[in-house]
Each structure stands twice: as C-alpha cells, then as structure tokens.
N, C-alpha and C. Protein backbone atom coordinates (compact mmCIF):
# COMPACT_ATOMS: atom_id res chain seq x y z
N ASP A 1 4.76 -1.79 -6.50
CA ASP A 1 5.18 -3.16 -6.19
C ASP A 1 5.50 -3.31 -4.71
N ALA A 2 6.25 -2.37 -4.18
CA ALA A 2 6.63 -2.42 -2.77
C ALA A 2 5.41 -2.28 -1.87
N ALA A 3 4.48 -1.43 -2.26
CA ALA A 3 3.27 -1.21 -1.45
C ALA A 3 2.43 -2.48 -1.38
N ILE A 4 2.27 -3.16 -2.50
CA ILE A 4 1.49 -4.39 -2.52
C ILE A 4 2.18 -5.48 -1.70
N ALA A 5 3.50 -5.61 -1.89
CA ALA A 5 4.26 -6.63 -1.16
C ALA A 5 4.19 -6.40 0.34
N MET A 6 4.31 -5.15 0.76
CA MET A 6 4.28 -4.84 2.19
C MET A 6 2.87 -4.99 2.74
N ASN A 7 1.89 -4.63 1.95
CA ASN A 7 0.50 -4.81 2.38
C ASN A 7 0.22 -6.28 2.69
N ALA A 8 0.76 -7.17 1.85
CA ALA A 8 0.59 -8.60 2.06
C ALA A 8 1.30 -9.06 3.33
N VAL A 9 2.51 -8.54 3.56
CA VAL A 9 3.27 -8.91 4.76
C VAL A 9 2.53 -8.48 6.03
N LEU A 10 1.89 -7.33 5.98
CA LEU A 10 1.17 -6.83 7.14
C LEU A 10 -0.02 -7.71 7.50
N CYS A 11 -0.50 -8.51 6.55
CA CYS A 11 -1.57 -9.46 6.87
C CYS A 11 -1.11 -10.47 7.92
N ILE A 12 0.19 -10.73 7.98
CA ILE A 12 0.75 -11.60 9.01
C ILE A 12 1.24 -10.78 10.19
N GLY A 13 1.86 -9.64 9.92
CA GLY A 13 2.47 -8.84 10.97
C GLY A 13 1.50 -8.09 11.87
N GLU A 14 0.37 -7.68 11.31
CA GLU A 14 -0.66 -7.00 12.11
C GLU A 14 -2.04 -7.48 11.64
N PRO A 15 -2.37 -8.73 11.93
CA PRO A 15 -3.61 -9.32 11.40
C PRO A 15 -4.89 -8.66 11.89
N HIS A 16 -4.82 -7.91 12.99
CA HIS A 16 -6.01 -7.23 13.49
C HIS A 16 -6.31 -5.96 12.70
N MET A 17 -5.36 -5.53 11.87
CA MET A 17 -5.51 -4.29 11.12
C MET A 17 -5.56 -4.51 9.61
N THR A 18 -4.89 -5.55 9.15
CA THR A 18 -4.69 -5.74 7.71
C THR A 18 -5.00 -7.19 7.34
N GLY A 19 -5.69 -7.40 6.22
CA GLY A 19 -5.98 -8.77 5.83
C GLY A 19 -6.55 -8.87 4.42
N VAL A 20 -6.37 -10.05 3.81
CA VAL A 20 -6.94 -10.27 2.48
C VAL A 20 -8.46 -10.30 2.55
N GLY A 21 -9.01 -10.40 3.74
CA GLY A 21 -10.45 -10.38 3.91
C GLY A 21 -11.02 -8.99 4.07
N GLY A 22 -10.18 -7.97 3.88
CA GLY A 22 -10.62 -6.59 4.05
C GLY A 22 -10.61 -5.82 2.74
N ASP A 23 -10.60 -4.50 2.87
CA ASP A 23 -10.61 -3.61 1.72
C ASP A 23 -9.26 -2.93 1.54
N CYS A 24 -9.12 -2.20 0.45
CA CYS A 24 -7.87 -1.49 0.16
C CYS A 24 -8.18 -0.18 -0.55
N PHE A 25 -7.57 0.87 -0.05
CA PHE A 25 -7.75 2.19 -0.67
C PHE A 25 -6.37 2.78 -0.96
N VAL A 26 -6.24 3.39 -2.12
CA VAL A 26 -4.93 3.89 -2.56
C VAL A 26 -5.05 5.34 -2.99
N MET A 27 -4.09 6.16 -2.55
CA MET A 27 -3.91 7.49 -3.10
C MET A 27 -2.59 7.46 -3.87
N LEU A 28 -2.65 7.64 -5.18
CA LEU A 28 -1.47 7.48 -6.02
C LEU A 28 -1.11 8.79 -6.72
N SER A 29 0.14 9.19 -6.55
CA SER A 29 0.66 10.32 -7.29
C SER A 29 1.33 9.76 -8.54
N VAL A 30 0.72 9.96 -9.67
CA VAL A 30 1.19 9.34 -10.91
C VAL A 30 2.56 9.86 -11.32
N ASP A 31 2.78 11.16 -11.17
CA ASP A 31 4.04 11.76 -11.63
C ASP A 31 4.92 12.23 -10.49
N GLY A 32 4.59 11.84 -9.26
CA GLY A 32 5.39 12.29 -8.12
C GLY A 32 5.02 13.68 -7.64
N GLY A 33 4.03 14.30 -8.26
CA GLY A 33 3.61 15.64 -7.88
C GLY A 33 2.22 15.64 -7.28
N THR A 34 1.42 16.60 -7.68
CA THR A 34 0.08 16.74 -7.11
C THR A 34 -1.00 16.15 -8.00
N ASN A 35 -0.60 15.38 -8.99
CA ASN A 35 -1.56 14.72 -9.88
C ASN A 35 -1.99 13.39 -9.25
N PHE A 36 -2.94 13.48 -8.33
CA PHE A 36 -3.38 12.31 -7.58
C PHE A 36 -4.58 11.63 -8.23
N LYS A 37 -4.62 10.33 -8.07
CA LYS A 37 -5.85 9.59 -8.36
C LYS A 37 -6.03 8.57 -7.26
N ALA A 38 -7.28 8.17 -7.05
CA ALA A 38 -7.60 7.30 -5.92
C ALA A 38 -8.15 5.97 -6.43
N LEU A 39 -7.80 4.91 -5.71
CA LEU A 39 -8.27 3.58 -6.04
C LEU A 39 -9.22 3.10 -4.95
N ASN A 40 -10.43 2.78 -5.36
CA ASN A 40 -11.45 2.31 -4.42
C ASN A 40 -11.53 0.79 -4.48
N GLY A 41 -11.00 0.15 -3.45
CA GLY A 41 -11.05 -1.30 -3.38
C GLY A 41 -11.94 -1.77 -2.25
N SER A 42 -13.12 -1.17 -2.15
CA SER A 42 -14.06 -1.55 -1.09
C SER A 42 -15.03 -2.59 -1.62
N GLY A 43 -15.21 -3.66 -0.84
CA GLY A 43 -16.13 -4.70 -1.25
C GLY A 43 -17.58 -4.34 -0.97
N LYS A 44 -18.48 -4.90 -1.73
CA LYS A 44 -19.90 -4.61 -1.58
C LYS A 44 -20.56 -5.60 -0.62
N SER A 45 -21.74 -5.25 -0.16
CA SER A 45 -22.54 -6.17 0.64
C SER A 45 -23.04 -7.30 -0.24
N SER A 46 -23.55 -8.31 0.39
CA SER A 46 -24.17 -9.40 -0.35
C SER A 46 -25.28 -8.86 -1.24
N SER A 47 -25.42 -9.44 -2.43
CA SER A 47 -26.48 -9.01 -3.34
C SER A 47 -27.87 -9.32 -2.77
N LYS A 48 -27.92 -10.20 -1.79
CA LYS A 48 -29.19 -10.56 -1.16
C LYS A 48 -29.49 -9.69 0.06
N ALA A 49 -28.57 -8.83 0.44
CA ALA A 49 -28.77 -8.00 1.63
C ALA A 49 -29.85 -6.96 1.39
N LYS A 50 -30.81 -6.91 2.29
CA LYS A 50 -31.89 -5.94 2.17
C LYS A 50 -32.25 -5.41 3.56
N ALA A 51 -32.44 -4.11 3.64
CA ALA A 51 -32.80 -3.48 4.91
C ALA A 51 -34.15 -3.99 5.40
N SER A 52 -35.05 -4.29 4.45
CA SER A 52 -36.38 -4.75 4.83
C SER A 52 -36.32 -6.09 5.58
N ASN A 53 -35.38 -6.95 5.18
CA ASN A 53 -35.23 -8.24 5.87
C ASN A 53 -34.77 -8.06 7.31
N LEU A 54 -33.89 -7.09 7.52
CA LEU A 54 -33.41 -6.81 8.87
C LEU A 54 -34.54 -6.27 9.74
N ARG A 55 -35.37 -5.42 9.15
CA ARG A 55 -36.49 -4.85 9.91
C ARG A 55 -37.48 -5.94 10.31
N LYS A 56 -37.69 -6.91 9.44
CA LYS A 56 -38.59 -8.01 9.75
C LYS A 56 -38.09 -8.81 10.95
N LYS A 57 -36.77 -8.86 11.12
CA LYS A 57 -36.18 -9.58 12.25
C LYS A 57 -36.01 -8.68 13.48
N ASN A 58 -36.54 -7.45 13.36
CA ASN A 58 -36.43 -6.45 14.44
C ASN A 58 -34.97 -6.12 14.77
N ILE A 59 -34.13 -6.12 13.74
CA ILE A 59 -32.72 -5.76 13.90
C ILE A 59 -32.55 -4.29 13.52
N SER A 60 -32.19 -3.46 14.48
CA SER A 60 -32.01 -2.03 14.23
C SER A 60 -30.53 -1.63 14.22
N VAL A 61 -29.68 -2.50 14.76
CA VAL A 61 -28.24 -2.22 14.82
C VAL A 61 -27.47 -3.43 14.29
N ILE A 62 -26.54 -3.19 13.37
CA ILE A 62 -25.69 -4.26 12.85
C ILE A 62 -24.35 -4.19 13.58
N SER A 63 -24.06 -5.19 14.41
CA SER A 63 -22.80 -5.21 15.15
C SER A 63 -21.71 -5.86 14.30
N PRO A 64 -20.44 -5.60 14.61
CA PRO A 64 -19.33 -6.14 13.80
C PRO A 64 -19.31 -7.67 13.72
N GLU A 65 -19.86 -8.35 14.72
CA GLU A 65 -19.82 -9.81 14.74
C GLU A 65 -20.91 -10.46 13.89
N MET A 66 -21.88 -9.67 13.45
CA MET A 66 -22.99 -10.22 12.68
C MET A 66 -22.58 -10.47 11.23
N PRO A 67 -23.06 -11.54 10.61
CA PRO A 67 -22.74 -11.80 9.20
C PRO A 67 -23.24 -10.69 8.29
N ASP A 68 -24.27 -9.97 8.73
CA ASP A 68 -24.80 -8.86 7.92
C ASP A 68 -23.80 -7.71 7.79
N ALA A 69 -22.81 -7.67 8.68
CA ALA A 69 -21.81 -6.61 8.63
C ALA A 69 -20.67 -6.92 7.67
N ILE A 70 -20.64 -8.15 7.17
CA ILE A 70 -19.50 -8.60 6.37
C ILE A 70 -19.71 -8.31 4.89
N THR A 71 -18.78 -7.56 4.32
CA THR A 71 -18.80 -7.27 2.89
C THR A 71 -17.79 -8.17 2.18
N ILE A 72 -17.90 -8.26 0.87
CA ILE A 72 -16.96 -9.06 0.08
C ILE A 72 -15.59 -8.36 0.10
N PRO A 73 -14.50 -9.09 0.35
CA PRO A 73 -13.18 -8.46 0.40
C PRO A 73 -12.80 -7.77 -0.92
N GLY A 74 -12.33 -6.54 -0.82
CA GLY A 74 -11.94 -5.81 -2.03
C GLY A 74 -10.45 -5.63 -2.21
N ALA A 75 -9.65 -6.05 -1.21
CA ALA A 75 -8.21 -5.78 -1.22
C ALA A 75 -7.51 -6.41 -2.42
N VAL A 76 -7.76 -7.68 -2.67
CA VAL A 76 -7.05 -8.37 -3.76
C VAL A 76 -7.42 -7.77 -5.11
N ALA A 77 -8.66 -7.36 -5.27
CA ALA A 77 -9.08 -6.71 -6.51
C ALA A 77 -8.33 -5.39 -6.70
N ALA A 78 -8.12 -4.66 -5.61
CA ALA A 78 -7.38 -3.41 -5.68
C ALA A 78 -5.91 -3.66 -6.01
N TRP A 79 -5.30 -4.65 -5.34
CA TRP A 79 -3.91 -4.99 -5.66
C TRP A 79 -3.77 -5.33 -7.14
N SER A 80 -4.72 -6.10 -7.65
CA SER A 80 -4.67 -6.56 -9.04
C SER A 80 -4.71 -5.40 -10.01
N LEU A 81 -5.63 -4.47 -9.81
CA LEU A 81 -5.76 -3.32 -10.71
C LEU A 81 -4.56 -2.40 -10.58
N LEU A 82 -4.09 -2.18 -9.37
CA LEU A 82 -2.93 -1.31 -9.15
C LEU A 82 -1.69 -1.87 -9.86
N HIS A 83 -1.49 -3.17 -9.73
CA HIS A 83 -0.32 -3.79 -10.36
C HIS A 83 -0.46 -3.82 -11.89
N LYS A 84 -1.66 -4.08 -12.37
CA LYS A 84 -1.89 -4.15 -13.81
C LYS A 84 -1.53 -2.85 -14.49
N GLU A 85 -1.82 -1.72 -13.86
CA GLU A 85 -1.62 -0.42 -14.50
C GLU A 85 -0.33 0.28 -14.08
N HIS A 86 0.22 -0.09 -12.91
CA HIS A 86 1.39 0.64 -12.43
C HIS A 86 2.51 -0.25 -11.91
N GLY A 87 2.34 -1.56 -11.94
CA GLY A 87 3.37 -2.46 -11.43
C GLY A 87 4.48 -2.70 -12.44
N HIS A 88 5.64 -3.10 -11.95
CA HIS A 88 6.79 -3.39 -12.81
C HIS A 88 7.34 -4.80 -12.57
N MET A 89 7.39 -5.22 -11.31
CA MET A 89 7.87 -6.56 -10.98
C MET A 89 6.84 -7.61 -11.38
N PRO A 90 7.27 -8.85 -11.62
CA PRO A 90 6.31 -9.92 -11.87
C PRO A 90 5.37 -10.09 -10.67
N TRP A 91 4.09 -10.25 -10.95
CA TRP A 91 3.07 -10.39 -9.90
C TRP A 91 3.44 -11.47 -8.90
N LYS A 92 3.92 -12.62 -9.39
CA LYS A 92 4.22 -13.76 -8.52
C LYS A 92 5.24 -13.40 -7.44
N GLU A 93 6.23 -12.57 -7.81
CA GLU A 93 7.31 -12.25 -6.88
C GLU A 93 6.86 -11.38 -5.71
N LEU A 94 5.77 -10.64 -5.89
CA LEU A 94 5.33 -9.71 -4.85
C LEU A 94 4.95 -10.41 -3.56
N PHE A 95 4.53 -11.66 -3.66
CA PHE A 95 3.99 -12.35 -2.49
C PHE A 95 4.98 -13.31 -1.82
N ASN A 96 6.19 -13.39 -2.36
CA ASN A 96 7.19 -14.27 -1.76
C ASN A 96 7.48 -13.93 -0.29
N PRO A 97 7.71 -12.64 0.06
CA PRO A 97 7.96 -12.33 1.47
C PRO A 97 6.79 -12.71 2.38
N ALA A 98 5.57 -12.42 1.97
CA ALA A 98 4.39 -12.74 2.78
C ALA A 98 4.25 -14.25 2.95
N ILE A 99 4.48 -15.00 1.88
CA ILE A 99 4.39 -16.46 1.96
C ILE A 99 5.43 -17.01 2.93
N ASN A 100 6.65 -16.48 2.86
CA ASN A 100 7.72 -16.94 3.76
C ASN A 100 7.40 -16.62 5.21
N TYR A 101 6.93 -15.40 5.49
CA TYR A 101 6.59 -15.03 6.86
C TYR A 101 5.44 -15.87 7.40
N ALA A 102 4.44 -16.11 6.55
CA ALA A 102 3.29 -16.89 6.99
C ALA A 102 3.70 -18.32 7.33
N GLN A 103 4.67 -18.87 6.58
CA GLN A 103 5.12 -20.24 6.82
C GLN A 103 6.10 -20.33 7.98
N GLN A 104 7.08 -19.43 8.01
CA GLN A 104 8.14 -19.49 9.01
C GLN A 104 7.79 -18.75 10.30
N GLY A 105 6.86 -17.83 10.20
CA GLY A 105 6.45 -17.06 11.37
C GLY A 105 7.07 -15.69 11.40
N ILE A 106 6.45 -14.81 12.15
CA ILE A 106 6.93 -13.44 12.32
C ILE A 106 6.84 -13.09 13.79
N ASN A 107 7.83 -12.38 14.31
CA ASN A 107 7.82 -12.01 15.72
C ASN A 107 6.78 -10.92 15.97
N VAL A 108 5.94 -11.14 16.95
CA VAL A 108 4.87 -10.20 17.26
C VAL A 108 5.44 -8.90 17.81
N HIS A 109 5.06 -7.79 17.21
CA HIS A 109 5.50 -6.47 17.64
C HIS A 109 4.84 -6.10 18.97
N GLU A 110 5.51 -5.25 19.74
CA GLU A 110 4.99 -4.88 21.05
C GLU A 110 3.61 -4.23 20.96
N ARG A 111 3.46 -3.32 20.00
CA ARG A 111 2.17 -2.63 19.84
C ARG A 111 1.08 -3.61 19.41
N VAL A 112 1.42 -4.53 18.52
CA VAL A 112 0.46 -5.53 18.05
C VAL A 112 0.03 -6.43 19.21
N ALA A 113 0.98 -6.77 20.08
CA ALA A 113 0.66 -7.61 21.24
C ALA A 113 -0.35 -6.94 22.15
N LEU A 114 -0.23 -5.63 22.33
CA LEU A 114 -1.17 -4.88 23.17
C LEU A 114 -2.59 -4.96 22.60
N ASP A 115 -2.70 -4.79 21.28
CA ASP A 115 -4.02 -4.86 20.64
C ASP A 115 -4.56 -6.28 20.67
N TRP A 116 -3.67 -7.25 20.54
CA TRP A 116 -4.09 -8.65 20.56
C TRP A 116 -4.80 -8.98 21.88
N LYS A 117 -4.21 -8.49 22.94
CA LYS A 117 -4.77 -8.75 24.28
C LYS A 117 -6.16 -8.15 24.42
N LYS A 118 -6.38 -7.01 23.79
CA LYS A 118 -7.68 -6.34 23.88
C LYS A 118 -8.77 -7.11 23.14
N ASN A 119 -8.38 -7.95 22.20
CA ASN A 119 -9.37 -8.64 21.36
C ASN A 119 -9.59 -10.09 21.75
N ILE A 120 -9.08 -10.50 22.91
CA ILE A 120 -9.17 -11.91 23.30
C ILE A 120 -10.62 -12.39 23.40
N GLN A 121 -11.52 -11.57 23.91
CA GLN A 121 -12.92 -11.98 24.03
C GLN A 121 -13.55 -12.20 22.66
N LYS A 122 -13.31 -11.28 21.74
CA LYS A 122 -13.86 -11.41 20.39
C LYS A 122 -13.31 -12.65 19.70
N LEU A 123 -12.01 -12.89 19.84
CA LEU A 123 -11.39 -14.04 19.19
C LEU A 123 -11.88 -15.36 19.77
N SER A 124 -12.30 -15.34 21.02
CA SER A 124 -12.75 -16.55 21.70
C SER A 124 -14.15 -16.99 21.27
N LEU A 125 -14.90 -16.09 20.64
CA LEU A 125 -16.28 -16.38 20.29
C LEU A 125 -16.41 -17.38 19.15
N ASP A 126 -15.38 -17.50 18.31
CA ASP A 126 -15.45 -18.36 17.14
C ASP A 126 -14.33 -19.39 17.20
N SER A 127 -14.66 -20.64 16.89
CA SER A 127 -13.67 -21.72 17.00
C SER A 127 -12.50 -21.54 16.04
N ASP A 128 -12.77 -21.02 14.85
CA ASP A 128 -11.70 -20.83 13.87
C ASP A 128 -10.75 -19.72 14.28
N THR A 129 -11.29 -18.58 14.72
CA THR A 129 -10.41 -17.49 15.14
C THR A 129 -9.67 -17.85 16.42
N SER A 130 -10.32 -18.60 17.29
CA SER A 130 -9.67 -19.02 18.53
C SER A 130 -8.49 -19.95 18.23
N LYS A 131 -8.68 -20.87 17.32
CA LYS A 131 -7.63 -21.84 16.98
C LYS A 131 -6.44 -21.15 16.33
N LEU A 132 -6.71 -20.17 15.48
CA LEU A 132 -5.65 -19.52 14.72
C LEU A 132 -4.96 -18.40 15.49
N PHE A 133 -5.75 -17.57 16.18
CA PHE A 133 -5.20 -16.34 16.75
C PHE A 133 -4.99 -16.37 18.26
N LEU A 134 -5.26 -17.53 18.89
CA LEU A 134 -5.00 -17.66 20.33
C LEU A 134 -4.12 -18.88 20.58
N LYS A 135 -3.32 -18.82 21.62
CA LYS A 135 -2.48 -19.95 22.04
C LYS A 135 -3.03 -20.51 23.34
N ASN A 136 -3.68 -21.66 23.25
CA ASN A 136 -4.30 -22.25 24.43
C ASN A 136 -5.25 -21.27 25.11
N GLY A 137 -5.99 -20.53 24.29
CA GLY A 137 -6.97 -19.58 24.81
C GLY A 137 -6.42 -18.24 25.22
N LYS A 138 -5.11 -18.04 25.00
CA LYS A 138 -4.49 -16.77 25.40
C LYS A 138 -3.92 -16.06 24.17
N PRO A 139 -3.83 -14.73 24.23
CA PRO A 139 -3.33 -13.97 23.08
C PRO A 139 -1.82 -14.14 22.89
N PHE A 140 -1.35 -13.92 21.68
CA PHE A 140 0.08 -13.94 21.43
C PHE A 140 0.75 -12.75 22.12
N GLN A 141 1.96 -12.99 22.65
CA GLN A 141 2.68 -11.98 23.41
C GLN A 141 3.79 -11.35 22.55
N PHE A 142 4.32 -10.26 23.04
CA PHE A 142 5.43 -9.56 22.40
C PHE A 142 6.58 -10.53 22.14
N MET A 143 7.05 -10.58 20.90
CA MET A 143 8.16 -11.41 20.42
C MET A 143 7.80 -12.89 20.27
N ASP A 144 6.54 -13.26 20.49
CA ASP A 144 6.11 -14.62 20.15
C ASP A 144 6.21 -14.80 18.64
N ASN A 145 6.43 -16.02 18.20
CA ASN A 145 6.47 -16.32 16.78
C ASN A 145 5.06 -16.71 16.31
N PHE A 146 4.50 -15.91 15.42
CA PHE A 146 3.14 -16.17 14.92
C PHE A 146 3.20 -16.66 13.49
N LYS A 147 2.60 -17.81 13.23
CA LYS A 147 2.55 -18.39 11.90
C LYS A 147 1.09 -18.47 11.43
N ASN A 148 0.93 -18.42 10.12
CA ASN A 148 -0.41 -18.57 9.54
C ASN A 148 -0.26 -19.36 8.23
N LYS A 149 -0.13 -20.67 8.37
CA LYS A 149 0.13 -21.52 7.21
C LYS A 149 -1.06 -21.54 6.25
N ASN A 150 -2.27 -21.40 6.77
CA ASN A 150 -3.43 -21.33 5.89
C ASN A 150 -3.35 -20.11 4.98
N LEU A 151 -2.90 -19.00 5.55
CA LEU A 151 -2.77 -17.78 4.76
C LEU A 151 -1.67 -17.91 3.71
N SER A 152 -0.62 -18.66 4.02
CA SER A 152 0.44 -18.87 3.03
C SER A 152 -0.11 -19.60 1.81
N GLU A 153 -1.03 -20.54 2.02
CA GLU A 153 -1.65 -21.25 0.91
C GLU A 153 -2.53 -20.32 0.08
N THR A 154 -3.22 -19.42 0.77
CA THR A 154 -4.02 -18.43 0.05
C THR A 154 -3.14 -17.53 -0.80
N PHE A 155 -2.04 -17.05 -0.22
CA PHE A 155 -1.12 -16.18 -0.97
C PHE A 155 -0.48 -16.92 -2.14
N GLN A 156 -0.18 -18.20 -1.97
CA GLN A 156 0.38 -18.98 -3.07
C GLN A 156 -0.60 -19.04 -4.23
N THR A 157 -1.88 -19.20 -3.90
CA THR A 157 -2.91 -19.24 -4.94
C THR A 157 -3.05 -17.89 -5.62
N ILE A 158 -3.03 -16.81 -4.83
CA ILE A 158 -3.11 -15.45 -5.40
C ILE A 158 -1.91 -15.18 -6.29
N ALA A 159 -0.73 -15.61 -5.85
CA ALA A 159 0.49 -15.39 -6.62
C ALA A 159 0.44 -16.12 -7.97
N GLN A 160 -0.11 -17.34 -7.96
CA GLN A 160 -0.14 -18.14 -9.17
C GLN A 160 -1.30 -17.76 -10.10
N GLU A 161 -2.45 -17.44 -9.51
CA GLU A 161 -3.67 -17.27 -10.32
C GLU A 161 -4.23 -15.86 -10.31
N GLY A 162 -3.64 -14.96 -9.51
CA GLY A 162 -4.08 -13.58 -9.51
C GLY A 162 -5.47 -13.37 -8.94
N HIS A 163 -6.15 -12.38 -9.49
CA HIS A 163 -7.50 -12.00 -9.05
C HIS A 163 -8.45 -13.20 -9.01
N ASP A 164 -8.44 -13.99 -10.08
CA ASP A 164 -9.37 -15.12 -10.16
C ASP A 164 -9.07 -16.21 -9.13
N GLY A 165 -7.80 -16.31 -8.75
CA GLY A 165 -7.44 -17.31 -7.75
C GLY A 165 -8.05 -17.04 -6.40
N PHE A 166 -8.37 -15.78 -6.14
CA PHE A 166 -8.98 -15.41 -4.86
C PHE A 166 -10.50 -15.40 -4.93
N TYR A 167 -11.05 -14.86 -6.00
CA TYR A 167 -12.50 -14.68 -6.07
C TYR A 167 -13.24 -15.84 -6.74
N HIS A 168 -12.50 -16.80 -7.26
CA HIS A 168 -13.09 -18.01 -7.81
C HIS A 168 -12.32 -19.19 -7.21
N GLY A 169 -12.85 -20.37 -7.32
CA GLY A 169 -12.13 -21.54 -6.85
C GLY A 169 -12.18 -21.74 -5.35
N TRP A 170 -11.18 -22.45 -4.82
CA TRP A 170 -11.24 -22.94 -3.44
C TRP A 170 -11.24 -21.82 -2.40
N VAL A 171 -10.55 -20.70 -2.67
CA VAL A 171 -10.49 -19.62 -1.68
C VAL A 171 -11.88 -19.02 -1.47
N ALA A 172 -12.55 -18.70 -2.56
CA ALA A 172 -13.89 -18.12 -2.46
C ALA A 172 -14.87 -19.11 -1.83
N ILE A 173 -14.76 -20.37 -2.20
CA ILE A 173 -15.65 -21.39 -1.63
C ILE A 173 -15.41 -21.54 -0.13
N ASP A 174 -14.16 -21.47 0.28
CA ASP A 174 -13.83 -21.58 1.71
C ASP A 174 -14.44 -20.42 2.49
N MET A 175 -14.32 -19.21 1.96
CA MET A 175 -14.90 -18.04 2.62
C MET A 175 -16.42 -18.15 2.65
N LEU A 176 -17.00 -18.59 1.54
CA LEU A 176 -18.46 -18.70 1.45
C LEU A 176 -18.99 -19.73 2.45
N ASN A 177 -18.29 -20.86 2.58
CA ASN A 177 -18.72 -21.88 3.53
C ASN A 177 -18.71 -21.35 4.96
N LYS A 178 -17.70 -20.56 5.29
CA LYS A 178 -17.62 -19.98 6.62
C LYS A 178 -18.76 -18.99 6.85
N LEU A 179 -19.02 -18.16 5.86
CA LEU A 179 -20.10 -17.19 5.97
C LEU A 179 -21.45 -17.88 6.15
N GLU A 180 -21.67 -18.94 5.39
CA GLU A 180 -22.93 -19.66 5.51
C GLU A 180 -23.07 -20.31 6.89
N SER A 181 -21.95 -20.75 7.46
CA SER A 181 -22.00 -21.42 8.77
C SER A 181 -22.40 -20.47 9.89
N ILE A 182 -22.23 -19.16 9.68
CA ILE A 182 -22.60 -18.20 10.72
C ILE A 182 -23.85 -17.40 10.33
N GLY A 183 -24.55 -17.88 9.30
CA GLY A 183 -25.82 -17.26 8.93
C GLY A 183 -25.76 -16.21 7.84
N GLY A 184 -24.65 -16.15 7.11
CA GLY A 184 -24.54 -15.18 6.02
C GLY A 184 -25.37 -15.57 4.81
N ASN A 185 -25.73 -14.59 3.99
CA ASN A 185 -26.53 -14.85 2.80
C ASN A 185 -25.75 -14.52 1.53
N HIS A 186 -24.42 -14.57 1.61
CA HIS A 186 -23.56 -14.29 0.46
C HIS A 186 -23.60 -15.46 -0.52
N ASN A 187 -23.17 -15.21 -1.77
CA ASN A 187 -23.10 -16.27 -2.76
C ASN A 187 -21.85 -16.10 -3.63
N LEU A 188 -21.54 -17.11 -4.44
CA LEU A 188 -20.32 -17.09 -5.24
C LEU A 188 -20.30 -15.95 -6.26
N ASN A 189 -21.47 -15.55 -6.75
CA ASN A 189 -21.52 -14.42 -7.68
C ASN A 189 -21.06 -13.13 -7.02
N ASP A 190 -21.33 -13.00 -5.72
CA ASP A 190 -20.87 -11.82 -4.99
C ASP A 190 -19.35 -11.73 -5.06
N PHE A 191 -18.68 -12.87 -4.90
CA PHE A 191 -17.22 -12.90 -4.97
C PHE A 191 -16.74 -12.70 -6.41
N GLY A 192 -17.34 -13.43 -7.34
CA GLY A 192 -16.88 -13.39 -8.72
C GLY A 192 -17.05 -12.04 -9.40
N ASN A 193 -17.98 -11.23 -8.92
CA ASN A 193 -18.24 -9.93 -9.54
C ASN A 193 -17.46 -8.79 -8.89
N THR A 194 -16.54 -9.11 -7.98
CA THR A 194 -15.82 -8.08 -7.25
C THR A 194 -14.72 -7.44 -8.10
N THR A 195 -14.75 -6.12 -8.19
CA THR A 195 -13.73 -5.36 -8.92
C THR A 195 -13.38 -4.11 -8.12
N ALA A 196 -12.25 -3.51 -8.48
CA ALA A 196 -11.86 -2.23 -7.91
C ALA A 196 -12.00 -1.16 -8.99
N GLU A 197 -12.00 0.11 -8.60
CA GLU A 197 -12.18 1.17 -9.59
C GLU A 197 -11.39 2.41 -9.21
N TRP A 198 -10.93 3.12 -10.23
CA TRP A 198 -10.27 4.40 -10.02
C TRP A 198 -11.33 5.48 -9.86
N VAL A 199 -11.15 6.36 -8.91
CA VAL A 199 -12.09 7.46 -8.67
C VAL A 199 -11.31 8.75 -8.46
N ASN A 200 -12.01 9.85 -8.60
CA ASN A 200 -11.38 11.15 -8.33
C ASN A 200 -11.40 11.41 -6.84
N PRO A 201 -10.24 11.65 -6.23
CA PRO A 201 -10.22 11.90 -4.79
C PRO A 201 -10.89 13.23 -4.44
N ILE A 202 -11.51 13.27 -3.28
CA ILE A 202 -12.13 14.49 -2.80
C ILE A 202 -11.04 15.50 -2.45
N SER A 203 -11.20 16.75 -2.83
CA SER A 203 -10.19 17.76 -2.53
C SER A 203 -10.88 19.09 -2.21
N SER A 204 -10.12 19.95 -1.55
CA SER A 204 -10.64 21.26 -1.20
C SER A 204 -9.48 22.23 -0.97
N ASP A 205 -9.73 23.51 -1.17
CA ASP A 205 -8.71 24.52 -0.89
C ASP A 205 -8.78 24.92 0.56
N TYR A 206 -7.64 25.13 1.18
CA TYR A 206 -7.60 25.57 2.57
C TYR A 206 -6.55 26.67 2.70
N ARG A 207 -7.01 27.86 2.91
CA ARG A 207 -6.11 29.01 3.06
C ARG A 207 -5.10 29.12 1.91
N GLY A 208 -5.57 28.84 0.73
CA GLY A 208 -4.74 28.95 -0.44
C GLY A 208 -3.82 27.77 -0.67
C-alpha cells in the first residue's frame, strides 16, 4: 500500500523519472525473507508496430521523441495487480496524497530542479509539455511550487474506477488523441488489453 501511494506521489515530485505514463517493476519478498517474486508491469508496443514499416521509411534508429518509441503505460496495471493480491488498505485511499499534492502543489527538490534544467530543450519541443512543465519557457527552480491539476483528475479517476478507469474511458482516449497528433499508430485495444504479470526473477549464485 505504501509503495503504491508513494509511487503515485513521485509522479508529481519527480515527473522526469516517474509517471502514470510509464512502466512499473516490483521485487516482492512475500514472507520477508528470500522468497522473492517479480512483477512485470511493462507496456507493449502498438499492435500495429512493425519493423518492416520502419525500414520502408528508411528509419534505422528510433529516438525517444518519436511516437514509435512510445509503449502503452504498464504502471497502473502493475499497481492494480499488486494491490489486488497483496494490498490491505482501500484502493481509493492510496491516491489521496498524490491527488492533494497535484492540486495544491509540491516544492521542487534541489536534485529534481537540476534535472529539470537539463531537459528544457526537450520540453520546449511540444506545446503540451511546454505549457505544463515550463514557466514562461523556463524550467521550475529549487523550492518552486509545482502543480499538475490534470494529473489530479487522472488520479481521481484511477482511485474511483481502478484499472479500467485508466485503460478505458476518457484517460485512454486523451492519451490516444495525443499519440495520434504526433503520428502514433496506437489504438484503444492496445490500452484495453494492457495487463501486468508475475514472473520469476533472474537469480544467480555468487561466491556462495
């Protein structure tokens, strides 16, 4: 419960590192010992993505800014499965801190401010990221108050409707519209079919 709640808060506190638009991976010790299991919350590429199409366009390198680099977010699916099998608190309560921070704002940490400054050029390339993550074209500074009211609405929907609230309905449509506007070939089925899965973590012996 605490891990999910804090993960959501970090979407506001360190948006360059953590977000509902990303993936989530978990290493869980079920009994507090060495009995580990891993949760794979990585999103898949668009079902229409094909290497042959990229070759036809003479694209040999996929850069981070290209829509072809964008996978379906897997984080919320991972939170959902983790809470379903190991959570104790009511799902709705987990997102109250994140919703409050997104609405009221959070003071930018010194380390986060340094990274923010490094990403000013990337953030300036898109009107939506520029409007949200820059102040008059400049990055947020240490101790500035950063708010993300749009994200608070997303978290409210996730809190009320869970997995389906994110991968179906207005949130998925909003993401899909943005992807289409930049040339993405994703579709609603890509979002609706997103799930997380438990896997066996890779392990090895080292000097006994």
